Amino acid sequence: MLLSCGDSLIDFMPMRTADGREAFIPVAGGSCLNVAVAMARLGAQAGFVGGISTDMFGAMIAAHAEASGVSLACSLRPQAQTTLAFVRLADGEPSYAFYDESSATRQWRHEAGAIPFERVEALHIGSTSLIADQGHAEGLKLVDEAKARCIISFDPNCRPNLVTDLDDYRGKMEAFMVRADILRLSDVDFSYLYGDADVATFAAGALADGVSLMVLTEGEKGARAWTRTGMISVEALRVDVADTIGAGDTFQGALMVALLEGQHLKDREALSAMAPDDVERCLLFAAKCAAVTCSRAGANPPWRYELPA
């Protein structure tokens, strides 16, 4: 099984009414929920770990997850409000306004022994649920328990408008980076955290700290990955872009599925021993899946049967 832990929410996607007025459509989303949906739709046994409200929006999220084949057995259903995110698009790129006080995501707590990690190949974690002190602490407790049993994947998926202290936030994200076996950042996230620092130098430091696979996604430029055998790059697939919402999440979920199917998540030795051709194959699969998501509106990862040959 592959698990994804973190945020679930409702994205209010922009649209125009018939008479030209601005309106919004509610759509289930959240970075870590999107990762779980991508993994399940691509054929993996996948589950989501986090808080999903019992309110009407929480019911939408649960129905969306279950329709995609995502297990919610490791999730909690607190009586708290669902996180809401209103989306605006500029040249296909999203910006967000979040409403997240006392949300179900923030109510999630990790209970030791609650998750059967003996049946889990990898745990992915990241995004907005790790910004607040409580969510950060609970996430670390989860990772510290899981790390003895399975591979850890981390993507900060930065949301600067939720961050009030960049140095504090960077330190929180680095606490997960040093625990990760797989680390992915977008180029935008890297620039937010580290400015114009050299990515290759950062990757070398991450590998020295114990990361086995460090991936940088660069939008239409493609993706680069660093392992102990060197750097591998792939180009992005060319598609007519509707928007980029969920593209990084789809890439992450597809990467995890490709690693699983290639037997690279059996243990840390198998992950570290990946040959360059194996890394390239996994990156190309992830890029192919992300391109499908970019070709349609919103975070809508592809099903396996939708992929081009």
Foldseek 3Di string as FASTA:
>chain_A
DEEFEAAKAWEFEWDADPVGDIGTDTDIDDLRLLLQLLLLLAPDQYEYEAFQEPDPRSVRNVVVSVVSNYDDQRYHYDHFAGKYWYWDDDPQEIAIDIDCPRGRRQVDADDPPSDPLLPYLEYEYEEDLCQDPSSLVRVVVVLVRNLVRYAYEYEHNDRVVVDDDLVVRLVSRVVVLLSHQEYEYEPVRCCSNPNPDDPVVVLVVSVVSRHAKYKYQYPQQFIWIQGPVGIDTDGADDADFPHQAQLVSSLNSQLVNLCVVVVQSVDSVSSRPDDNVSNVVSSVRSRQQSRVCRNDDHSDTHRNVPGDD
